[in-house]
Amino acid sequence: MVEAIVGGEGAERGLLFPVTRGEGYASEIASFYRMGVRTIQNQLKRMERDGLPVNKLSGRNRIYKFNRRYAFLAQVEALLPNALGMAPANLRETLTVVKTRPRRTGKPLQCNRHAAKGRKRVR
């Protein structure tokens, strides 16, 4: 779709994933597309040098999302949904459905808003 513009299939897939899900880490993107993790990591590093994605560490995972300060972000965000619209229907559907595993039975809920301020959680 737009791989000729962004530089390859890995780069295209590395960009389409955060468009639909907001953020993602390299092994998550690679396993979703059944690609090598190193391929996705290299593309994300290359794009990060240019300033398009930014990352943050969450444990041992480096989570990537779009850099809100990127000069051409509006153009990228306009282009990628159009590219997603041209993708096969099954790819569009699987990208927009986020599956997470269920919580463990009996695990207490944590309210980060109150925990960060040092207050007790009200039940």
PDB file of N, CA and C in Angstrom:
ATOM      1  N   MET A   1       0.827  -1.187   0.000  1.00  0.00           N
ATOM      2  CA  MET A   1       0.000   0.000   0.000  1.00  0.00           C
ATOM      3  C   MET A   1       0.875   1.256   0.000  1.00  0.00           C
ATOM      4  N   VAL A   2       1.516   1.566   1.128  1.00  0.00           N
ATOM      5  CA  VAL A   2       2.378   2.755   1.185  1.00  0.00           C
ATOM      6  C   VAL A   2       3.827   2.376   1.457  1.00  0.00           C
ATOM      7  N   GLU A   3       4.171   1.113   1.238  1.00  0.00           N
ATOM      8  CA  GLU A   3       5.531   0.688   1.532  1.00  0.00           C
ATOM      9  C   GLU A   3       6.561   1.390   0.660  1.00  0.00           C
ATOM     10  N   ALA A   4       6.188   1.785  -0.559  1.00  0.00           N
ATOM     11  CA  ALA A   4       7.121   2.516  -1.417  1.00  0.00           C
ATOM     12  C   ALA A   4       7.442   3.890  -0.836  1.00  0.00           C
ATOM     13  N   ILE A   5       6.499   4.485  -0.141  1.00  0.00           N
ATOM     14  CA  ILE A   5       6.694   5.814   0.438  1.00  0.00           C
ATOM     15  C   ILE A   5       7.499   5.739   1.739  1.00  0.00           C
ATOM     16  N   VAL A   6       7.166   4.782   2.602  1.00  0.00           N
ATOM     17  CA  VAL A   6       7.790   4.725   3.922  1.00  0.00           C
ATOM     18  C   VAL A   6       9.064   3.900   3.949  1.00  0.00           C
ATOM     19  N   GLY A   7       9.354   3.145   2.898  1.00  0.00           N
ATOM     20  CA  GLY A   7      10.639   2.472   2.823  1.00  0.00           C
ATOM     21  C   GLY A   7      10.610   0.963   2.954  1.00  0.00           C
ATOM     22  N   GLY A   8       9.464   0.351   3.022  1.00  0.00           N
ATOM     23  CA  GLY A   8       9.417  -1.102   3.064  1.00  0.00           C
ATOM     24  C   GLY A   8       8.217  -1.616   3.822  1.00  0.00           C
ATOM     25  N   GLU A   9       8.056  -2.920   3.735  1.00  0.00           N
ATOM     26  CA  GLU A   9       6.910  -3.572   4.353  1.00  0.00           C
ATOM     27  C   GLU A   9       6.972  -3.481   5.878  1.00  0.00           C
ATOM     28  N   GLY A  10       8.150  -3.660   6.445  1.00  0.00           N
ATOM     29  CA  GLY A  10       8.299  -3.575   7.895  1.00  0.00           C
ATOM     30  C   GLY A  10       7.973  -2.190   8.420  1.00  0.00           C
ATOM     31  N   ALA A  11       8.387  -1.169   7.695  1.00  0.00           N
ATOM     32  CA  ALA A  11       8.093   0.204   8.109  1.00  0.00           C
ATOM     33  C   ALA A  11       6.605   0.490   8.022  1.00  0.00           C
ATOM     34  N   GLU A  12       5.984   0.015   6.961  1.00  0.00           N
ATOM     35  CA  GLU A  12       4.541   0.217   6.803  1.00  0.00           C
ATOM     36  C   GLU A  12       3.775  -0.450   7.944  1.00  0.00           C
ATOM     37  N   ARG A  13       4.146  -1.660   8.262  1.00  0.00           N
ATOM     38  CA  ARG A  13       3.457  -2.375   9.329  1.00  0.00           C
ATOM     39  C   ARG A  13       3.750  -1.768  10.689  1.00  0.00           C
ATOM     40  N   GLY A  14       4.960  -1.266  10.859  1.00  0.00           N
ATOM     41  CA  GLY A  14       5.307  -0.596  12.103  1.00  0.00           C
ATOM     42  C   GLY A  14       4.541   0.694  12.305  1.00  0.00           C
ATOM     43  N   LEU A  15       4.090   1.314  11.234  1.00  0.00           N
ATOM     44  CA  LEU A  15       3.291   2.542  11.325  1.00  0.00           C
ATOM     45  C   LEU A  15       1.800   2.273  11.436  1.00  0.00           C
ATOM     46  N   LEU A  16       1.319   1.253  10.742  1.00  0.00           N
ATOM     47  CA  LEU A  16      -0.118   0.965  10.776  1.00  0.00           C
ATOM     48  C   LEU A  16      -0.584   0.484  12.142  1.00  0.00           C
ATOM     49  N   PHE A  17       0.271  -0.232  12.841  1.00  0.00           N
ATOM     50  CA  PHE A  17      -0.114  -0.766  14.146  1.00  0.00           C
ATOM     51  C   PHE A  17      -0.443   0.349  15.144  1.00  0.00           C
ATOM     52  N   PRO A  18       0.435   1.361  15.340  1.00  0.00           N
ATOM     53  CA  PRO A  18       0.082   2.440  16.278  1.00  0.00           C
ATOM     54  C   PRO A  18      -1.074   3.322  15.803  1.00  0.00           C
ATOM     55  N   VAL A  19      -1.323   3.361  14.499  1.00  0.00           N
ATOM     56  CA  VAL A  19      -2.466   4.147  14.016  1.00  0.00           C
ATOM     57  C   VAL A  19      -3.758   3.591  14.571  1.00  0.00           C
ATOM     58  N   THR A  20      -3.886   2.272  14.583  1.00  0.00           N
ATOM     59  CA  THR A  20      -5.136   1.665  15.034  1.00  0.00           C
ATOM     60  C   THR A  20      -5.173   1.426  16.534  1.00  0.00           C
ATOM     61  N   ARG A  21      -4.033   1.148  17.143  1.00  0.00           N
ATOM     62  CA  ARG A  21      -4.026   0.790  18.568  1.00  0.00           C
ATOM     63  C   ARG A  21      -3.420   1.855  19.475  1.00  0.00           C
ATOM     64  N   GLY A  22      -2.872   2.917  18.907  1.00  0.00           N
ATOM     65  CA  GLY A  22      -2.315   3.988  19.718  1.00  0.00           C
ATOM     66  C   GLY A  22      -0.851   3.820  20.045  1.00  0.00           C
ATOM     67  N   GLU A  23      -0.442   2.606  20.385  1.00  0.00           N
ATOM     68  CA  GLU A  23       0.951   2.329  20.711  1.00  0.00           C
ATOM     69  C   GLU A  23       1.193   0.840  20.607  1.00  0.00           C
ATOM     70  N   GLY A  24       2.458   0.461  20.587  1.00  0.00           N
ATOM     71  CA  GLY A  24       2.794  -0.950  20.551  1.00  0.00           C
ATOM     72  C   GLY A  24       4.282  -1.138  20.719  1.00  0.00           C
ATOM     73  N   TYR A  25       4.674  -2.345  21.077  1.00  0.00           N
ATOM     74  CA  TYR A  25       6.093  -2.647  21.193  1.00  0.00           C
ATOM     75  C   TYR A  25       6.496  -3.606  20.082  1.00  0.00           C
ATOM     76  N   ALA A  26       7.783  -3.668  19.817  1.00  0.00           N
ATOM     77  CA  ALA A  26       8.281  -4.349  18.624  1.00  0.00           C
ATOM     78  C   ALA A  26       7.864  -5.812  18.552  1.00  0.00           C
ATOM     79  N   SER A  27       7.993  -6.555  19.656  1.00  0.00           N
ATOM     80  CA  SER A  27       7.643  -7.972  19.583  1.00  0.00           C
ATOM     81  C   SER A  27       6.136  -8.173  19.409  1.00  0.00           C
ATOM     82  N   GLU A  28       5.332  -7.258  19.937  1.00  0.00           N
ATOM     83  CA  GLU A  28       3.881  -7.325  19.738  1.00  0.00           C
ATOM     84  C   GLU A  28       3.534  -7.118  18.262  1.00  0.00           C
ATOM     85  N   ILE A  29       4.162  -6.121  17.651  1.00  0.00           N
ATOM     86  CA  ILE A  29       3.925  -5.833  16.229  1.00  0.00           C
ATOM     87  C   ILE A  29       4.410  -6.995  15.377  1.00  0.00           C
ATOM     88  N   ALA A  30       5.604  -7.502  15.686  1.00  0.00           N
ATOM     89  CA  ALA A  30       6.174  -8.605  14.906  1.00  0.00           C
ATOM     90  C   ALA A  30       5.326  -9.869  15.012  1.00  0.00           C
ATOM     91  N   SER A  31       4.848 -10.185  16.208  1.00  0.00           N
ATOM     92  CA  SER A  31       4.035 -11.399  16.347  1.00  0.00           C
ATOM     93  C   SER A  31       2.679 -11.222  15.674  1.00  0.00           C
ATOM     94  N   PHE A  32       2.148 -10.005  15.674  1.00  0.00           N
ATOM     95  CA  PHE A  32       0.865  -9.767  15.012  1.00  0.00           C
ATOM     96  C   PHE A  32       0.979 -10.031  13.515  1.00  0.00           C
ATOM     97  N   TYR A  33       2.064  -9.533  12.904  1.00  0.00           N
ATOM     98  CA  TYR A  33       2.251  -9.691  11.460  1.00  0.00           C
ATOM     99  C   TYR A  33       3.025 -10.953  11.086  1.00  0.00           C
ATOM    100  N   ARG A  34       3.463 -11.734  12.089  1.00  0.00           N
ATOM    101  CA  ARG A  34       4.274 -12.936  11.859  1.00  0.00           C
ATOM    102  C   ARG A  34       5.553 -12.584  11.090  1.00  0.00           C
ATOM    103  N   MET A  35       6.237 -11.566  11.616  1.00  0.00           N
ATOM    104  CA  MET A  35       7.507 -11.116  11.033  1.00  0.00           C
ATOM    105  C   MET A  35       8.589 -11.269  12.087  1.00  0.00           C
ATOM    106  N   GLY A  36       9.822 -11.070  11.687  1.00  0.00           N
ATOM    107  CA  GLY A  36      10.928 -11.102  12.626  1.00  0.00           C
ATOM    108  C   GLY A  36      10.931  -9.857  13.507  1.00  0.00           C
ATOM    109  N   VAL A  37      11.227 -10.047  14.774  1.00  0.00           N
ATOM    110  CA  VAL A  37      11.258  -8.924  15.710  1.00  0.00           C
ATOM    111  C   VAL A  37      12.347  -7.937  15.302  1.00  0.00           C
ATOM    112  N   ARG A  38      13.482  -8.465  14.875  1.00  0.00           N
ATOM    113  CA  ARG A  38      14.607  -7.607  14.496  1.00  0.00           C
ATOM    114  C   ARG A  38      14.236  -6.688  13.324  1.00  0.00           C
ATOM    115  N   THR A  39      13.459  -7.181  12.391  1.00  0.00           N
ATOM    116  CA  THR A  39      13.017  -6.366  11.254  1.00  0.00           C
ATOM    117  C   THR A  39      12.213  -5.168  11.740  1.00  0.00           C
ATOM    118  N   ILE A  40      11.262  -5.416  12.614  1.00  0.00           N
ATOM    119  CA  ILE A  40      10.427  -4.335  13.147  1.00  0.00           C
ATOM    120  C   ILE A  40      11.273  -3.385  13.992  1.00  0.00           C
ATOM    121  N   GLN A  41      12.162  -3.921  14.824  1.00  0.00           N
ATOM    122  CA  GLN A  41      13.019  -3.075  15.657  1.00  0.00           C
ATOM    123  C   GLN A  41      13.878  -2.151  14.806  1.00  0.00           C
ATOM    124  N   ASN A  42      14.451  -2.682  13.746  1.00  0.00           N
ATOM    125  CA  ASN A  42      15.294  -1.861  12.873  1.00  0.00           C
ATOM    126  C   ASN A  42      14.497  -0.742  12.217  1.00  0.00           C
ATOM    127  N   GLN A  43      13.295  -1.060  11.754  1.00  0.00           N
ATOM    128  CA  GLN A  43      12.463  -0.034  11.111  1.00  0.00           C
ATOM    129  C   GLN A  43      12.042   1.028  12.113  1.00  0.00           C
ATOM    130  N   LEU A  44      11.673   0.615  13.322  1.00  0.00           N
ATOM    131  CA  LEU A  44      11.268   1.583  14.338  1.00  0.00           C
ATOM    132  C   LEU A  44      12.438   2.467  14.752  1.00  0.00           C
ATOM    133  N   LYS A  45      13.634   1.895  14.864  1.00  0.00           N
ATOM    134  CA  LYS A  45      14.823   2.695  15.185  1.00  0.00           C
ATOM    135  C   LYS A  45      15.117   3.695  14.080  1.00  0.00           C
ATOM    136  N   ARG A  46      15.016   3.248  12.830  1.00  0.00           N
ATOM    137  CA  ARG A  46      15.267   4.136  11.689  1.00  0.00           C
ATOM    138  C   ARG A  46      14.281   5.305  11.684  1.00  0.00           C
ATOM    139  N   MET A  47      13.006   5.001  11.903  1.00  0.00           N
ATOM    140  CA  MET A  47      11.990   6.059  11.922  1.00  0.00           C
ATOM    141  C   MET A  47      12.163   6.958  13.138  1.00  0.00           C
ATOM    142  N   GLU A  48      12.631   6.393  14.242  1.00  0.00           N
ATOM    143  CA  GLU A  48      12.837   7.195  15.448  1.00  0.00           C
ATOM    144  C   GLU A  48      13.975   8.196  15.256  1.00  0.00           C
ATOM    145  N   ARG A  49      14.991   7.813  14.497  1.00  0.00           N
ATOM    146  CA  ARG A  49      16.069   8.759  14.180  1.00  0.00           C
ATOM    147  C   ARG A  49      15.528   9.971  13.439  1.00  0.00           C
ATOM    148  N   ASP A  50      14.487   9.753  12.629  1.00  0.00           N
ATOM    149  CA  ASP A  50      13.861  10.853  11.883  1.00  0.00           C
ATOM    150  C   ASP A  50      12.830  11.597  12.714  1.00  0.00           C
ATOM    151  N   GLY A  51      12.478  11.076  13.878  1.00  0.00           N
ATOM    152  CA  GLY A  51      11.589  11.783  14.789  1.00  0.00           C
ATOM    153  C   GLY A  51      10.125  11.411  14.731  1.00  0.00           C
ATOM    154  N   LEU A  52       9.744  10.419  13.936  1.00  0.00           N
ATOM    155  CA  LEU A  52       8.323  10.080  13.825  1.00  0.00           C
ATOM    156  C   LEU A  52       7.787   9.355  15.057  1.00  0.00           C
ATOM    157  N   PRO A  53       8.334   8.203  15.449  1.00  0.00           N
ATOM    158  CA  PRO A  53       7.844   7.620  16.704  1.00  0.00           C
ATOM    159  C   PRO A  53       8.744   8.019  17.877  1.00  0.00           C
ATOM    160  N   VAL A  54       8.194   7.968  19.047  1.00  0.00           N
ATOM    161  CA  VAL A  54       8.961   8.107  20.280  1.00  0.00           C
ATOM    162  C   VAL A  54       8.711   6.847  21.094  1.00  0.00           C
ATOM    163  N   ASN A  55       9.600   6.567  22.032  1.00  0.00           N
ATOM    164  CA  ASN A  55       9.412   5.368  22.824  1.00  0.00           C
ATOM    165  C   ASN A  55       9.537   5.684  24.295  1.00  0.00           C
ATOM    166  N   LYS A  56       8.980   4.789  25.088  1.00  0.00           N
ATOM    167  CA  LYS A  56       9.135   4.846  26.537  1.00  0.00           C
ATOM    168  C   LYS A  56       9.320   3.420  27.018  1.00  0.00           C
ATOM    169  N   LEU A  57      10.085   3.270  28.074  1.00  0.00           N
ATOM    170  CA  LEU A  57      10.300   1.944  28.625  1.00  0.00           C
ATOM    171  C   LEU A  57       9.199   1.613  29.617  1.00  0.00           C
ATOM    172  N   SER A  58       8.662   0.413  29.480  1.00  0.00           N
ATOM    173  CA  SER A  58       7.689  -0.106  30.421  1.00  0.00           C
ATOM    174  C   SER A  58       8.201  -1.485  30.820  1.00  0.00           C
ATOM    175  N   GLY A  59       8.928  -1.534  31.934  1.00  0.00           N
ATOM    176  CA  GLY A  59       9.595  -2.776  32.299  1.00  0.00           C
ATOM    177  C   GLY A  59      10.740  -3.006  31.343  1.00  0.00           C
ATOM    178  N   ARG A  60      10.699  -4.137  30.652  1.00  0.00           N
ATOM    179  CA  ARG A  60      11.737  -4.435  29.658  1.00  0.00           C
ATOM    180  C   ARG A  60      11.271  -4.136  28.239  1.00  0.00           C
ATOM    181  N   ASN A  61      10.059  -3.669  28.075  1.00  0.00           N
ATOM    182  CA  ASN A  61       9.514  -3.383  26.748  1.00  0.00           C
ATOM    183  C   ASN A  61       9.670  -1.915  26.405  1.00  0.00           C
ATOM    184  N   ARG A  62      10.016  -1.669  25.165  1.00  0.00           N
ATOM    185  CA  ARG A  62      10.116  -0.306  24.648  1.00  0.00           C
ATOM    186  C   ARG A  62       8.846  -0.062  23.830  1.00  0.00           C
ATOM    187  N   ILE A  63       7.949   0.758  24.362  1.00  0.00           N
ATOM    188  CA  ILE A  63       6.653   0.999  23.736  1.00  0.00           C
ATOM    189  C   ILE A  63       6.756   2.219  22.823  1.00  0.00           C
ATOM    190  N   TYR A  64       6.341   2.047  21.580  1.00  0.00           N
ATOM    191  CA  TYR A  64       6.425   3.105  20.578  1.00  0.00           C
ATOM    192  C   TYR A  64       5.052   3.704  20.323  1.00  0.00           C
ATOM    193  N   LYS A  65       5.033   5.012  20.129  1.00  0.00           N
ATOM    194  CA  LYS A  65       3.828   5.724  19.699  1.00  0.00           C
ATOM    195  C   LYS A  65       4.274   6.925  18.888  1.00  0.00           C
ATOM    196  N   PHE A  66       3.325   7.595  18.246  1.00  0.00           N
ATOM    197  CA  PHE A  66       3.679   8.725  17.403  1.00  0.00           C
ATOM    198  C   PHE A  66       4.134   9.916  18.229  1.00  0.00           C
ATOM    199  N   ASN A  67       5.129  10.613  17.708  1.00  0.00           N
ATOM    200  CA  ASN A  67       5.653  11.819  18.331  1.00  0.00           C
ATOM    201  C   ASN A  67       4.733  12.979  17.977  1.00  0.00           C
ATOM    202  N   ARG A  68       4.078  13.548  18.944  1.00  0.00           N
ATOM    203  CA  ARG A  68       3.137  14.642  18.707  1.00  0.00           C
ATOM    204  C   ARG A  68       3.831  15.902  18.206  1.00  0.00           C
ATOM    205  N   ARG A  69       5.151  15.986  18.348  1.00  0.00           N
ATOM    206  CA  ARG A  69       5.907  17.162  17.896  1.00  0.00           C
ATOM    207  C   ARG A  69       6.477  16.996  16.487  1.00  0.00           C
ATOM    208  N   TYR A  70       6.235  15.862  15.864  1.00  0.00           N
ATOM    209  CA  TYR A  70       6.757  15.615  14.521  1.00  0.00           C
ATOM    210  C   TYR A  70       6.135  16.607  13.544  1.00  0.00           C
ATOM    211  N   ALA A  71       6.965  17.205  12.712  1.00  0.00           N
ATOM    212  CA  ALA A  71       6.521  18.295  11.829  1.00  0.00           C
ATOM    213  C   ALA A  71       5.428  17.860  10.846  1.00  0.00           C
ATOM    214  N   PHE A  72       5.497  16.646  10.353  1.00  0.00           N
ATOM    215  CA  PHE A  72       4.542  16.196   9.335  1.00  0.00           C
ATOM    216  C   PHE A  72       3.557  15.167   9.884  1.00  0.00           C
ATOM    217  N   LEU A  73       3.278  15.227  11.166  1.00  0.00           N
ATOM    218  CA  LEU A  73       2.387  14.248  11.790  1.00  0.00           C
ATOM    219  C   LEU A  73       0.982  14.305  11.202  1.00  0.00           C
ATOM    220  N   ALA A  74       0.483  15.490  10.926  1.00  0.00           N
ATOM    221  CA  ALA A  74      -0.866  15.612  10.361  1.00  0.00           C
ATOM    222  C   ALA A  74      -0.954  14.908   9.003  1.00  0.00           C
ATOM    223  N   GLN A  75       0.075  15.034   8.193  1.00  0.00           N
ATOM    224  CA  GLN A  75       0.077  14.384   6.885  1.00  0.00           C
ATOM    225  C   GLN A  75       0.188  12.866   7.023  1.00  0.00           C
ATOM    226  N   VAL A  76       1.004  12.416   7.965  1.00  0.00           N
ATOM    227  CA  VAL A  76       1.144  10.973   8.192  1.00  0.00           C
ATOM    228  C   VAL A  76      -0.173  10.395   8.706  1.00  0.00           C
ATOM    229  N   GLU A  77      -0.794  11.097   9.651  1.00  0.00           N
ATOM    230  CA  GLU A  77      -2.067  10.609  10.199  1.00  0.00           C
ATOM    231  C   GLU A  77      -3.191  10.670   9.179  1.00  0.00           C
ATOM    232  N   ALA A  78      -3.068  11.515   8.157  1.00  0.00           N
ATOM    233  CA  ALA A  78      -4.067  11.531   7.088  1.00  0.00           C
ATOM    234  C   ALA A  78      -3.816  10.406   6.082  1.00  0.00           C
ATOM    235  N   LEU A  79      -2.553  10.079   5.852  1.00  0.00           N
ATOM    236  CA  LEU A  79      -2.199   9.066   4.863  1.00  0.00           C
ATOM    237  C   LEU A  79      -2.472   7.642   5.353  1.00  0.00           C
ATOM    238  N   LEU A  80      -2.103   7.354   6.577  1.00  0.00           N
ATOM    239  CA  LEU A  80      -2.171   5.971   7.056  1.00  0.00           C
ATOM    240  C   LEU A  80      -3.586   5.406   7.196  1.00  0.00           C
ATOM    241  N   PRO A  81      -4.575   6.169   7.669  1.00  0.00           N
ATOM    242  CA  PRO A  81      -5.936   5.602   7.660  1.00  0.00           C
ATOM    243  C   PRO A  81      -6.439   5.288   6.252  1.00  0.00           C
ATOM    244  N   ASN A  82      -6.020   6.081   5.271  1.00  0.00           N
ATOM    245  CA  ASN A  82      -6.388   5.774   3.883  1.00  0.00           C
ATOM    246  C   ASN A  82      -5.732   4.479   3.434  1.00  0.00           C
ATOM    247  N   ALA A  83      -4.473   4.281   3.843  1.00  0.00           N
ATOM    248  CA  ALA A  83      -3.779   3.040   3.506  1.00  0.00           C
ATOM    249  C   ALA A  83      -4.443   1.860   4.204  1.00  0.00           C
ATOM    250  N   LEU A  84      -4.863   2.069   5.425  1.00  0.00           N
ATOM    251  CA  LEU A  84      -5.557   1.007   6.153  1.00  0.00           C
ATOM    252  C   LEU A  84      -6.880   0.662   5.477  1.00  0.00           C
ATOM    253  N   GLY A  85      -7.534   1.667   4.910  1.00  0.00           N
ATOM    254  CA  GLY A  85      -8.789   1.430   4.191  1.00  0.00           C
ATOM    255  C   GLY A  85      -8.600   0.572   2.956  1.00  0.00           C
ATOM    256  N   MET A  86      -7.399   0.593   2.376  1.00  0.00           N
ATOM    257  CA  MET A  86      -7.113  -0.214   1.184  1.00  0.00           C
ATOM    258  C   MET A  86      -6.615  -1.614   1.542  1.00  0.00           C
ATOM    259  N   ALA A  87      -6.357  -1.854   2.820  1.00  0.00           N
ATOM    260  CA  ALA A  87      -5.864  -3.163   3.266  1.00  0.00           C
ATOM    261  C   ALA A  87      -6.987  -4.197   3.174  1.00  0.00           C
ATOM    262  N   PRO A  88      -6.625  -5.461   3.124  1.00  0.00           N
ATOM    263  CA  PRO A  88      -7.658  -6.510   3.117  1.00  0.00           C
ATOM    264  C   PRO A  88      -8.545  -6.420   4.360  1.00  0.00           C
ATOM    265  N   ALA A  89      -9.789  -6.812   4.213  1.00  0.00           N
ATOM    266  CA  ALA A  89     -10.774  -6.682   5.288  1.00  0.00           C
ATOM    267  C   ALA A  89     -10.360  -7.440   6.542  1.00  0.00           C
ATOM    268  N   ASN A  90      -9.776  -8.624   6.384  1.00  0.00           N
ATOM    269  CA  ASN A  90      -9.389  -9.391   7.574  1.00  0.00           C
ATOM    270  C   ASN A  90      -8.266  -8.701   8.348  1.00  0.00           C
ATOM    271  N   LEU A  91      -7.357  -8.031   7.659  1.00  0.00           N
ATOM    272  CA  LEU A  91      -6.295  -7.289   8.337  1.00  0.00           C
ATOM    273  C   LEU A  91      -6.864  -6.093   9.085  1.00  0.00           C
ATOM    274  N   ARG A  92      -7.776  -5.372   8.448  1.00  0.00           N
ATOM    275  CA  ARG A  92      -8.416  -4.220   9.109  1.00  0.00           C
ATOM    276  C   ARG A  92      -9.140  -4.664  10.370  1.00  0.00           C
ATOM    277  N   GLU A  93      -9.848  -5.765  10.275  1.00  0.00           N
ATOM    278  CA  GLU A  93     -10.624  -6.249  11.412  1.00  0.00           C
ATOM    279  C   GLU A  93      -9.720  -6.682  12.568  1.00  0.00           C
ATOM    280  N   THR A  94      -8.660  -7.412  12.258  1.00  0.00           N
ATOM    281  CA  THR A  94      -7.779  -7.886  13.325  1.00  0.00           C
ATOM    282  C   THR A  94      -6.968  -6.749  13.939  1.00  0.00           C
ATOM    283  N   LEU A  95      -6.673  -5.716  13.171  1.00  0.00           N
ATOM    284  CA  LEU A  95      -5.950  -4.570  13.731  1.00  0.00           C
ATOM    285  C   LEU A  95      -6.816  -3.770  14.694  1.00  0.00           C
ATOM    286  N   THR A  96      -8.089  -3.676  14.429  1.00  0.00           N
ATOM    287  CA  THR A  96      -8.950  -2.847  15.265  1.00  0.00           C
ATOM    288  C   THR A  96      -9.489  -3.577  16.488  1.00  0.00           C
ATOM    289  N   VAL A  97      -9.422  -4.912  16.512  1.00  0.00           N
ATOM    290  CA  VAL A  97      -9.882  -5.670  17.669  1.00  0.00           C
ATOM    291  C   VAL A  97      -8.687  -5.946  18.569  1.00  0.00           C
ATOM    292  N   VAL A  98      -8.746  -5.455  19.790  1.00  0.00           N
ATOM    293  CA  VAL A  98      -7.658  -5.665  20.744  1.00  0.00           C
ATOM    294  C   VAL A  98      -8.069  -6.775  21.696  1.00  0.00           C
ATOM    295  N   LYS A  99      -7.304  -7.854  21.692  1.00  0.00           N
ATOM    296  CA  LYS A  99      -7.599  -8.975  22.579  1.00  0.00           C
ATOM    297  C   LYS A  99      -6.585  -8.966  23.717  1.00  0.00           C
ATOM    298  N   THR A 100      -7.090  -8.939  24.922  1.00  0.00           N
ATOM    299  CA  THR A 100      -6.228  -9.055  26.081  1.00  0.00           C
ATOM    300  C   THR A 100      -6.727 -10.209  26.926  1.00  0.00           C
ATOM    301  N   ARG A 101      -5.838 -10.810  27.646  1.00  0.00           N
ATOM    302  CA  ARG A 101      -6.265 -11.951  28.445  1.00  0.00           C
ATOM    303  C   ARG A 101      -7.045 -11.459  29.660  1.00  0.00           C
ATOM    304  N   PRO A 102      -7.926 -12.275  30.191  1.00  0.00           N
ATOM    305  CA  PRO A 102      -8.739 -11.859  31.333  1.00  0.00           C
ATOM    306  C   PRO A 102      -7.900 -11.740  32.602  1.00  0.00           C
ATOM    307  N   ARG A 103      -8.408 -10.973  33.523  1.00  0.00           N
ATOM    308  CA  ARG A 103      -7.727 -10.800  34.811  1.00  0.00           C
ATOM    309  C   ARG A 103      -7.789 -12.091  35.608  1.00  0.00           C
ATOM    310  N   ARG A 104      -6.813 -12.281  36.469  1.00  0.00           N
ATOM    311  CA  ARG A 104      -6.791 -13.436  37.355  1.00  0.00           C
ATOM    312  C   ARG A 104      -7.942 -13.327  38.354  1.00  0.00           C
ATOM    313  N   THR A 105      -8.600 -14.417  38.637  1.00  0.00           N
ATOM    314  CA  THR A 105      -9.707 -14.437  39.588  1.00  0.00           C
ATOM    315  C   THR A 105      -9.213 -14.005  40.954  1.00  0.00           C
ATOM    316  N   GLY A 106      -9.927 -13.072  41.567  1.00  0.00           N
ATOM    317  CA  GLY A 106      -9.585 -12.610  42.902  1.00  0.00           C
ATOM    318  C   GLY A 106      -8.507 -11.541  42.954  1.00  0.00           C
ATOM    319  N   LYS A 107      -7.970 -11.130  41.813  1.00  0.00           N
ATOM    320  CA  LYS A 107      -6.938 -10.112  41.812  1.00  0.00           C
ATOM    321  C   LYS A 107      -7.570  -8.759  42.147  1.00  0.00           C
ATOM    322  N   PRO A 108      -7.015  -8.024  43.127  1.00  0.00           N
ATOM    323  CA  PRO A 108      -7.629  -6.741  43.494  1.00  0.00           C
ATOM    324  C   PRO A 108      -7.417  -5.692  42.411  1.00  0.00           C
ATOM    325  N   LEU A 109      -8.405  -4.846  42.255  1.00  0.00           N
ATOM    326  CA  LEU A 109      -8.282  -3.752  41.301  1.00  0.00           C
ATOM    327  C   LEU A 109      -7.401  -2.671  41.899  1.00  0.00           C
ATOM    328  N   GLN A 110      -6.598  -2.047  41.058  1.00  0.00           N
ATOM    329  CA  GLN A 110      -5.760  -0.955  41.511  1.00  0.00           C
ATOM    330  C   GLN A 110      -6.209   0.309  40.812  1.00  0.00           C
ATOM    331  N   CYS A 111      -6.359   1.337  41.582  1.00  0.00           N
ATOM    332  CA  CYS A 111      -6.731   2.629  41.017  1.00  0.00           C
ATOM    333  C   CYS A 111      -5.486   3.500  41.071  1.00  0.00           C
ATOM    334  N   ASN A 112      -4.803   3.623  39.956  1.00  0.00           N
ATOM    335  CA  ASN A 112      -3.543   4.355  39.920  1.00  0.00           C
ATOM    336  C   ASN A 112      -3.707   5.823  40.256  1.00  0.00           C
ATOM    337  N   ARG A 113      -4.857   6.365  39.991  1.00  0.00           N
ATOM    338  CA  ARG A 113      -5.093   7.779  40.262  1.00  0.00           C
ATOM    339  C   ARG A 113      -4.950   8.071  41.750  1.00  0.00           C
ATOM    340  N   HIS A 114      -5.520   7.209  42.586  1.00  0.00           N
ATOM    341  CA  HIS A 114      -5.449   7.417  44.027  1.00  0.00           C
ATOM    342  C   HIS A 114      -4.105   6.962  44.592  1.00  0.00           C
ATOM    343  N   ALA A 115      -3.550   5.899  44.045  1.00  0.00           N
ATOM    344  CA  ALA A 115      -2.282   5.388  44.564  1.00  0.00           C
ATOM    345  C   ALA A 115      -1.156   6.380  44.324  1.00  0.00           C
ATOM    346  N   ALA A 116      -1.208   7.091  43.189  1.00  0.00           N
ATOM    347  CA  ALA A 116      -0.152   8.054  42.886  1.00  0.00           C
ATOM    348  C   ALA A 116      -0.181   9.236  43.835  1.00  0.00           C
ATOM    349  N   LYS A 117      -1.329   9.568  44.360  1.00  0.00           N
ATOM    350  CA  LYS A 117      -1.447  10.715  45.254  1.00  0.00           C
ATOM    351  C   LYS A 117      -1.341  10.308  46.723  1.00  0.00           C
ATOM    352  N   GLY A 118      -1.159   9.035  46.994  1.00  0.00           N
ATOM    353  CA  GLY A 118      -0.990   8.563  48.353  1.00  0.00           C
ATOM    354  C   GLY A 118      -2.284   8.423  49.132  1.00  0.00           C
ATOM    355  N   ARG A 119      -3.414   8.473  48.455  1.00  0.00           N
ATOM    356  CA  ARG A 119      -4.707   8.321  49.126  1.00  0.00           C
ATOM    357  C   ARG A 119      -5.140   6.869  49.127  1.00  0.00           C
ATOM    358  N   LYS A 120      -5.998   6.546  50.063  1.00  0.00           N
ATOM    359  CA  LYS A 120      -6.577   5.214  50.089  1.00  0.00           C
ATOM    360  C   LYS A 120      -7.715   5.140  49.076  1.00  0.00           C
ATOM    361  N   ARG A 121      -7.869   3.971  48.529  1.00  0.00           N
ATOM    362  CA  ARG A 121      -8.939   3.759  47.572  1.00  0.00           C
ATOM    363  C   ARG A 121     -10.240   3.545  48.316  1.00  0.00           C
ATOM    364  N   VAL A 122     -11.282   4.175  47.863  1.00  0.00           N
ATOM    365  CA  VAL A 122     -12.615   4.048  48.472  1.00  0.00           C
ATOM    366  C   VAL A 122     -13.344   2.928  47.775  1.00  0.00           C
ATOM    367  N   ARG A 123     -13.910   2.022  48.570  1.00  0.00           N
ATOM    368  CA  ARG A 123     -14.644   0.902  47.946  1.00  0.00           C
ATOM    369  C   ARG A 123     -16.121   1.137  48.019  1.00  0.00           C
TER     370      ARG A 123
END
